[in-house]
Protein backbone atom coordinates (compact mmCIF):
# COMPACT_ATOMS: atom_id res chain seq x y z
CA UNK A 1 -6.03 -16.22 -12.39
CA UNK A 2 -7.50 -13.75 -9.80
CA UNK A 3 -10.86 -12.10 -10.59
CA UNK A 4 -9.05 -8.70 -9.42
CA UNK A 5 -5.46 -7.64 -9.91
CA UNK A 6 -3.98 -4.33 -9.44
CA UNK A 7 -0.91 -2.33 -10.47
CA UNK A 8 1.21 -0.59 -7.83
CA UNK A 9 3.44 2.10 -8.43
CA UNK A 10 5.91 3.95 -6.46
CA UNK A 11 8.96 5.98 -7.20
CA UNK A 12 10.79 3.67 -9.53
CA UNK A 13 9.45 4.66 -12.60
CA UNK A 14 8.94 8.13 -14.32
CA UNK A 15 5.47 9.75 -13.58
CA UNK A 16 4.46 10.07 -16.96
CA UNK A 17 5.36 6.57 -17.76
CA UNK A 18 3.27 5.56 -14.63
CA UNK A 19 0.47 6.90 -16.29
CA UNK A 20 1.06 5.16 -19.48
CA UNK A 21 1.39 1.91 -17.38
CA UNK A 22 -1.95 2.65 -15.80
CA UNK A 23 -3.76 2.97 -18.80
CA UNK A 24 -2.34 -0.17 -20.48
CA UNK A 25 -3.20 -1.90 -17.18
CA UNK A 26 -6.83 -0.80 -17.41
CA UNK A 27 -6.76 -2.13 -21.05
CA UNK A 28 -5.59 -5.48 -20.03
CA UNK A 29 -8.48 -5.73 -17.56
CA UNK A 30 -6.52 -4.54 -14.16
CA UNK A 31 -9.05 -3.40 -11.73
CA UNK A 32 -7.18 -1.28 -9.79
CA UNK A 33 -4.02 1.19 -9.68
CA UNK A 34 -2.50 1.85 -6.24
CA UNK A 35 0.16 4.52 -5.80
CA UNK A 36 2.53 4.44 -2.92
CA UNK A 37 3.97 7.32 -0.74
CA UNK A 38 6.96 6.00 1.09
CA UNK A 39 10.36 7.75 2.24
CA UNK A 40 10.35 11.56 1.09
CA UNK A 41 10.39 10.82 -2.73
CA UNK A 42 6.95 10.66 -4.13
CA UNK A 43 3.68 12.24 -2.93
CA UNK A 44 0.97 9.75 -3.36
CA UNK A 45 -1.98 12.33 -4.17
CA UNK A 46 -0.56 13.91 -7.33
CA UNK A 47 -0.02 10.49 -9.25
CA UNK A 48 -3.32 9.61 -8.06
CA UNK A 49 -5.06 12.46 -9.57
CA UNK A 50 -3.01 11.96 -12.78
CA UNK A 51 -4.11 8.24 -13.30
CA UNK A 52 -7.73 9.19 -12.11
CA UNK A 53 -7.87 11.83 -14.69
CA UNK A 54 -6.32 9.41 -17.72
CA UNK A 55 -8.34 6.22 -17.05
CA UNK A 56 -12.37 5.39 -16.89
CA UNK A 57 -12.80 2.48 -15.04
CA UNK A 58 -10.16 1.22 -12.48
CA UNK A 59 -10.17 1.96 -8.84
CA UNK A 60 -7.34 4.35 -7.60
CA UNK A 61 -5.83 3.80 -4.18
CA UNK A 62 -3.36 5.21 -1.78
CA UNK A 63 -1.03 2.64 -0.78
CA UNK A 64 -0.44 4.06 1.73
CA UNK A 65 -0.51 7.53 2.83
CA UNK A 66 0.44 8.09 6.45
CA UNK A 67 -2.24 9.50 9.38
CA UNK A 68 0.42 12.02 11.02
CA UNK A 69 1.08 14.80 8.29
CA UNK A 70 -1.97 16.05 6.91
CA UNK A 71 -4.50 17.89 9.05
CA UNK A 72 -7.88 15.87 9.11
CA UNK A 73 -9.68 18.57 7.29
CA UNK A 74 -7.53 18.66 4.44
CA UNK A 75 -7.19 15.05 3.98
CA UNK A 76 -11.12 14.74 3.83
CA UNK A 77 -11.22 17.52 1.39
CA UNK A 78 -8.14 15.64 -0.58
CA UNK A 79 -10.38 12.59 -1.01
CA UNK A 80 -13.47 14.62 -1.74
CA UNK A 81 -11.41 16.34 -4.55
CA UNK A 82 -10.21 12.89 -5.86
CA UNK A 83 -13.69 11.59 -5.89
CA UNK A 84 -14.83 14.67 -7.69
CA UNK A 85 -12.22 13.76 -10.61
CA UNK A 86 -13.20 10.15 -10.48
CA UNK A 87 -16.40 9.11 -8.69
CA UNK A 88 -16.82 6.03 -6.78
CA UNK A 89 -13.26 5.00 -7.93
CA UNK A 90 -11.08 6.22 -4.99
CA UNK A 91 -9.86 4.17 -1.99
CA UNK A 92 -8.16 5.93 0.75
CA UNK A 93 -5.09 3.38 1.85
CA UNK A 94 -3.55 5.01 5.14
CA UNK A 95 -1.21 3.66 7.52
CA UNK A 96 0.98 4.74 10.82
CA UNK A 97 4.26 5.34 8.99
CA UNK A 98 7.26 4.34 10.49
CA UNK A 99 10.53 5.40 12.51
CA UNK A 100 13.17 6.70 12.11
CA UNK A 101 11.68 8.50 9.09
CA UNK A 102 8.97 9.89 11.10
CA UNK A 103 11.12 10.83 13.96
CA UNK A 104 13.64 12.56 11.71
CA UNK A 105 11.00 14.71 10.50
CA UNK A 106 9.36 15.85 13.70
CA UNK A 107 6.69 13.34 13.94
CA UNK A 108 6.30 11.58 17.47
CA UNK A 109 4.38 8.23 16.78
CA UNK A 110 2.76 7.91 20.08
CA UNK A 111 -0.42 5.89 20.80
CA UNK A 112 -0.53 4.75 17.08
CA UNK A 113 -3.59 2.98 17.47
CA UNK A 114 -5.68 5.50 18.89
CA UNK A 115 -4.32 8.10 16.54
CA UNK A 116 -5.52 5.78 13.53
CA UNK A 117 -8.93 5.23 15.32
CA UNK A 118 -9.50 8.95 15.73
CA UNK A 119 -8.26 9.70 12.00
CA UNK A 120 -10.69 7.08 10.69
CA UNK A 121 -13.60 8.16 12.59
CA UNK A 122 -13.34 11.91 11.98
CA UNK A 123 -12.35 11.30 8.32
CA UNK A 124 -15.46 9.10 7.79
CA UNK A 125 -18.04 11.76 9.20
CA UNK A 126 -16.55 14.15 7.00
CA UNK A 127 -17.01 12.14 4.00
CA UNK A 128 -20.56 11.58 4.77
CA UNK A 129 -20.89 15.33 4.83
CA UNK A 130 -21.68 15.65 8.38
CA UNK A 131 -20.83 18.90 10.36
CA UNK A 132 -18.22 17.47 13.01
CA UNK A 133 -17.36 18.51 16.46
CA UNK A 134 -14.61 15.91 17.64
CA UNK A 135 -12.23 16.69 20.65
CA UNK A 136 -9.85 13.72 21.04
CA UNK A 137 -6.31 13.04 21.87
CA UNK A 138 -4.87 13.63 18.44
CA UNK A 139 -7.78 15.41 16.54
CA UNK A 140 -9.56 18.52 17.73
CA UNK A 141 -12.16 19.93 15.37
CA UNK A 142 -15.25 22.38 16.10
CA UNK A 143 -18.19 22.43 13.86
CA UNK A 144 -16.39 21.66 10.48
CA UNK A 145 -17.62 20.27 7.15
CA UNK A 146 -16.81 19.78 3.67
CA UNK A 147 -18.71 22.95 2.71
CA UNK A 148 -19.23 22.40 -0.98
CA UNK A 149 -20.95 25.22 -2.60
CA UNK A 150 -20.23 24.38 -6.32
CA UNK A 151 -20.36 20.80 -6.79
CA UNK A 152 -21.78 17.51 -5.43
CA UNK A 153 -23.18 17.55 -1.68
CA UNK A 154 -23.80 13.89 -1.47
CA UNK A 155 -21.88 11.76 0.86
CA UNK A 156 -18.76 10.22 -0.74
CA UNK A 157 -18.19 6.66 -1.24
CA UNK A 158 -14.50 6.56 0.01
CA UNK A 159 -13.62 3.17 1.53
CA UNK A 160 -11.00 3.60 3.97
CA UNK A 161 -7.98 0.83 4.07
CA UNK A 162 -5.32 0.53 6.76
CA UNK A 163 -2.04 -0.68 5.71
CA UNK A 164 -1.33 -2.59 8.91
CA UNK A 165 1.94 -4.27 10.00
CA UNK A 166 1.72 -4.85 13.74
CA UNK A 167 -0.48 -7.36 15.62
CA UNK A 168 -2.44 -4.93 17.41
CA UNK A 169 -2.94 -2.69 14.44
CA UNK A 170 -3.98 -5.63 12.18
CA UNK A 171 -6.65 -6.51 14.73
CA UNK A 172 -7.97 -2.94 14.86
CA UNK A 173 -7.91 -3.08 11.11
CA UNK A 174 -10.59 -6.05 11.29
CA UNK A 175 -12.77 -3.91 13.67
CA UNK A 176 -13.04 -0.57 12.09
CA UNK A 177 -11.65 -0.39 8.40
CA UNK A 178 -13.28 -1.17 5.00
CA UNK A 179 -10.16 -3.28 3.90
CA UNK A 180 -6.63 -4.13 4.83
CA UNK A 181 -3.74 -3.15 2.65
CA UNK A 182 -1.48 -6.17 3.32
CA UNK A 183 2.14 -5.94 3.49
CA UNK A 184 4.74 -7.07 0.84
CA UNK A 185 8.25 -8.38 1.14
CA UNK A 186 6.77 -11.24 3.09
CA UNK A 187 6.34 -14.92 2.51
CA UNK A 188 2.48 -16.19 1.74
CA UNK A 189 2.68 -17.98 5.21
CA UNK A 190 2.64 -14.52 6.83
CA UNK A 191 -1.02 -14.12 5.79
CA UNK A 192 -2.27 -16.94 8.00
CA UNK A 193 -1.70 -15.17 11.33
CA UNK A 194 -2.59 -11.69 9.60
CA UNK A 195 -5.92 -13.39 8.71
CA UNK A 196 -6.62 -14.50 12.27
CA UNK A 197 -6.22 -10.89 13.59
CA UNK A 198 -8.20 -9.42 11.22
CA UNK A 199 -11.05 -11.86 11.75
CA UNK A 200 -10.54 -11.38 15.80
CA UNK A 201 -11.12 -7.70 15.30
CA UNK A 202 -13.98 -8.07 12.73
CA UNK A 203 -15.88 -10.19 15.35
CA UNK A 204 -15.63 -7.12 17.71
CA UNK A 205 -17.74 -4.89 15.41
CA UNK A 206 -19.91 -7.94 14.77
CA UNK A 207 -18.47 -8.81 11.36
CA UNK A 208 -16.66 -11.76 9.68
CA UNK A 209 -13.51 -11.86 7.77
CA UNK A 210 -15.47 -12.06 4.67
CA UNK A 211 -16.46 -8.27 5.08
CA UNK A 212 -12.66 -7.33 5.12
CA UNK A 213 -11.34 -6.56 1.85
CA UNK A 214 -7.54 -7.85 1.69
CA UNK A 215 -5.78 -6.50 -1.08
CA UNK A 216 -1.90 -7.38 -0.86
CA UNK A 217 1.20 -5.39 -2.19
CA UNK A 218 3.57 -7.96 -3.87
CA UNK A 219 6.75 -7.29 -5.35
CA UNK A 220 6.65 -8.80 -8.92
CA UNK A 221 9.60 -8.90 -10.86
CA UNK A 222 8.81 -10.89 -14.36
CA UNK A 223 11.44 -11.54 -16.96
CA UNK A 224 12.07 -14.72 -19.35
CA UNK A 225 15.47 -14.73 -17.81
CA UNK A 226 14.99 -15.72 -14.31
CA UNK A 227 18.34 -14.46 -13.18
CA UNK A 228 17.46 -10.92 -14.50
CA UNK A 229 14.33 -10.94 -12.68
CA UNK A 230 15.96 -11.94 -9.47
CA UNK A 231 18.48 -9.18 -9.79
CA UNK A 232 15.58 -6.68 -10.41
CA UNK A 233 13.73 -7.61 -7.40
CA UNK A 234 16.76 -7.45 -5.24
CA UNK A 235 17.44 -4.14 -5.96
CA UNK A 236 14.07 -2.85 -3.86
CA UNK A 237 14.55 -5.35 -1.27
CA UNK A 238 17.68 -4.52 -0.30
CA UNK A 239 16.84 -0.92 0.36
CA UNK A 240 13.72 -2.07 1.98
CA UNK A 241 15.79 -4.31 4.65
CA UNK A 242 17.91 -1.20 5.37
CA UNK A 243 15.37 1.29 5.61
CA UNK A 244 11.94 -0.09 6.85
CA UNK A 245 12.49 -1.91 9.79
CA UNK A 246 8.95 -2.89 10.12
CA UNK A 247 9.16 -4.64 6.65
CA UNK A 248 12.47 -6.26 7.61
CA UNK A 249 10.89 -7.98 10.89
CA UNK A 250 7.61 -9.09 8.75
CA UNK A 251 10.04 -10.66 6.15
CA UNK A 252 11.32 -13.19 8.56
CA UNK A 253 14.95 -12.13 7.05
CA UNK A 254 17.93 -13.06 9.64
CA UNK A 255 19.34 -10.26 11.64
CA UNK A 256 22.76 -11.11 10.47
CA UNK A 257 21.60 -10.16 6.79
CA UNK A 258 19.82 -6.91 7.91
CA UNK A 259 22.85 -5.91 9.82
CA UNK A 260 25.16 -6.43 6.83
CA UNK A 261 22.95 -4.53 4.45
CA UNK A 262 22.20 -1.53 6.94
CA UNK A 263 26.11 -1.40 7.28
CA UNK A 264 26.46 -0.41 3.77
CA UNK A 265 23.43 1.85 3.27
CA UNK A 266 20.89 3.68 5.51
CA UNK A 267 18.67 6.60 4.92
CA UNK A 268 19.06 8.18 2.54
CA UNK A 269 20.92 6.05 0.20
CA UNK A 270 22.47 6.17 -3.19
CA UNK A 271 22.08 3.71 -6.14
CA UNK A 272 25.76 2.71 -5.43
CA UNK A 273 25.10 1.75 -2.14
CA UNK A 274 21.93 -0.23 -2.90
CA UNK A 275 23.96 -2.32 -5.44
CA UNK A 276 27.05 -2.53 -3.03
CA UNK A 277 24.68 -4.08 -0.39
CA UNK A 278 22.86 -6.22 -2.76
CA UNK A 279 25.46 -8.76 -2.42
CA UNK A 280 24.47 -9.59 1.18
CA UNK A 281 20.94 -10.63 0.01
CA UNK A 282 20.51 -14.46 -1.01
CA UNK A 283 18.66 -15.31 -4.29
CA UNK A 284 16.48 -17.60 -2.09
CA UNK A 285 15.32 -14.98 -0.09
CA UNK A 286 14.09 -12.92 -2.74
CA UNK A 287 12.24 -15.65 -4.15
CA UNK A 288 10.64 -16.59 -0.87
CA UNK A 289 9.10 -12.80 -0.37
CA UNK A 290 8.09 -11.94 -3.77
CA UNK A 291 6.48 -13.10 -7.01
CA UNK A 292 9.93 -13.11 -9.06
CA UNK A 293 11.16 -15.26 -12.09
CA UNK A 294 9.30 -16.26 -15.51
CA UNK A 295 5.81 -15.53 -16.20
CA UNK A 296 4.82 -19.03 -15.30
CA UNK A 297 6.59 -18.61 -12.06
CA UNK A 298 5.13 -15.49 -11.05
CA UNK A 299 1.83 -16.48 -11.87
CA UNK A 300 2.19 -19.57 -9.68
CA UNK A 301 3.63 -17.31 -6.73
CA UNK A 302 0.77 -14.96 -6.82
CA UNK A 303 -1.59 -17.84 -6.60
CA UNK A 304 0.16 -18.59 -3.33
CA UNK A 305 -0.93 -15.55 -1.75
CA UNK A 306 -4.25 -15.83 -3.35
CA UNK A 307 -4.76 -19.40 -1.65
CA UNK A 308 -3.57 -17.75 1.73
CA UNK A 309 -6.48 -15.01 1.76
CA UNK A 310 -5.27 -12.10 -0.77
CA UNK A 311 -8.22 -10.73 -2.33
CA UNK A 312 -6.43 -8.60 -4.86
CA UNK A 313 -2.68 -8.82 -5.73
CA UNK A 314 -1.13 -5.46 -6.01
CA UNK A 315 1.74 -5.94 -8.36
CA UNK A 316 4.76 -3.66 -8.03
CA UNK A 317 6.62 -4.34 -11.30
CA UNK A 318 10.34 -4.45 -10.86
CA UNK A 319 11.34 -5.30 -14.31
CA UNK A 320 9.60 -4.63 -17.78
CA UNK A 321 6.29 -3.41 -16.44
CA UNK A 322 4.36 -4.15 -19.79
CA UNK A 323 5.60 -7.81 -19.50
CA UNK A 324 4.20 -8.03 -15.90
CA UNK A 325 0.87 -6.45 -17.13
CA UNK A 326 0.77 -8.92 -19.86
CA UNK A 327 1.39 -11.71 -17.76
CA UNK A 328 -1.47 -10.88 -15.73
CA UNK A 329 -3.78 -9.54 -18.19
CA UNK A 330 -7.61 -10.56 -17.38
CA UNK A 331 -9.87 -12.01 -20.14
């Protein structure tokens, strides 16, 4: 069993249930809870605050927010506020978003590497409680600071992780970030190249791969009935293949399958369309890019990701969350 294990929540569960799952995971030795922010369905910050306020030990991470839609001053103030709620327990996971969603809401994702680099530089300086003047291509701030009057004035310990997918972003993550939120919907072998790129970037900054934390999102569907576990995982994976092309590409699925799925559903999609498209997704594919099956099978699969460089599995429950948490309970 891993020394660290995390719970991942997105929008598949009621928010009030998510609070219960976070508390239960903490009681079972889970070390982290990560909240997604994807599509246009659930903001990450509100659930993070709820989890932070109702737990006492677990770290709370954003997995991940994007670097385009929040003003940099507001972004830093948001994480300062979360740190006030749960000091030294907050992790900022941030990513470059994806098209067509970004384009459809009016965001032009040009020069994503430079935009991310600027975001992290200004964000770090603000969280160090510096007075910041910075004029880059994407961020322009003049003499701003987190001007705390009532409260803690000390620098905040909020590590910044990048949710990287592309090769260049992965390499830059090794250079400038505290960690990498590694992708899900990928086979364990995906990690081999990712680690090479992270290490290459780390060397640019005089660091080693060991200096880069590497938690990894993993779709985890656990059921004593293997067939039920597969069906539960397939619901999510079908939607991802249609709506998130960067994930589909990283997963290694054939273009034929992607085309068939996309012919049935796009964005937005109904539950009925998702279930109709599921027929085109083979069981073997589901098993190859997730930790799905009986408790023993799920544990064995997660170990494969750990053996290939994942430092903390971030498990997204697709069937019974309590059974999944019990399957990976620590101690």
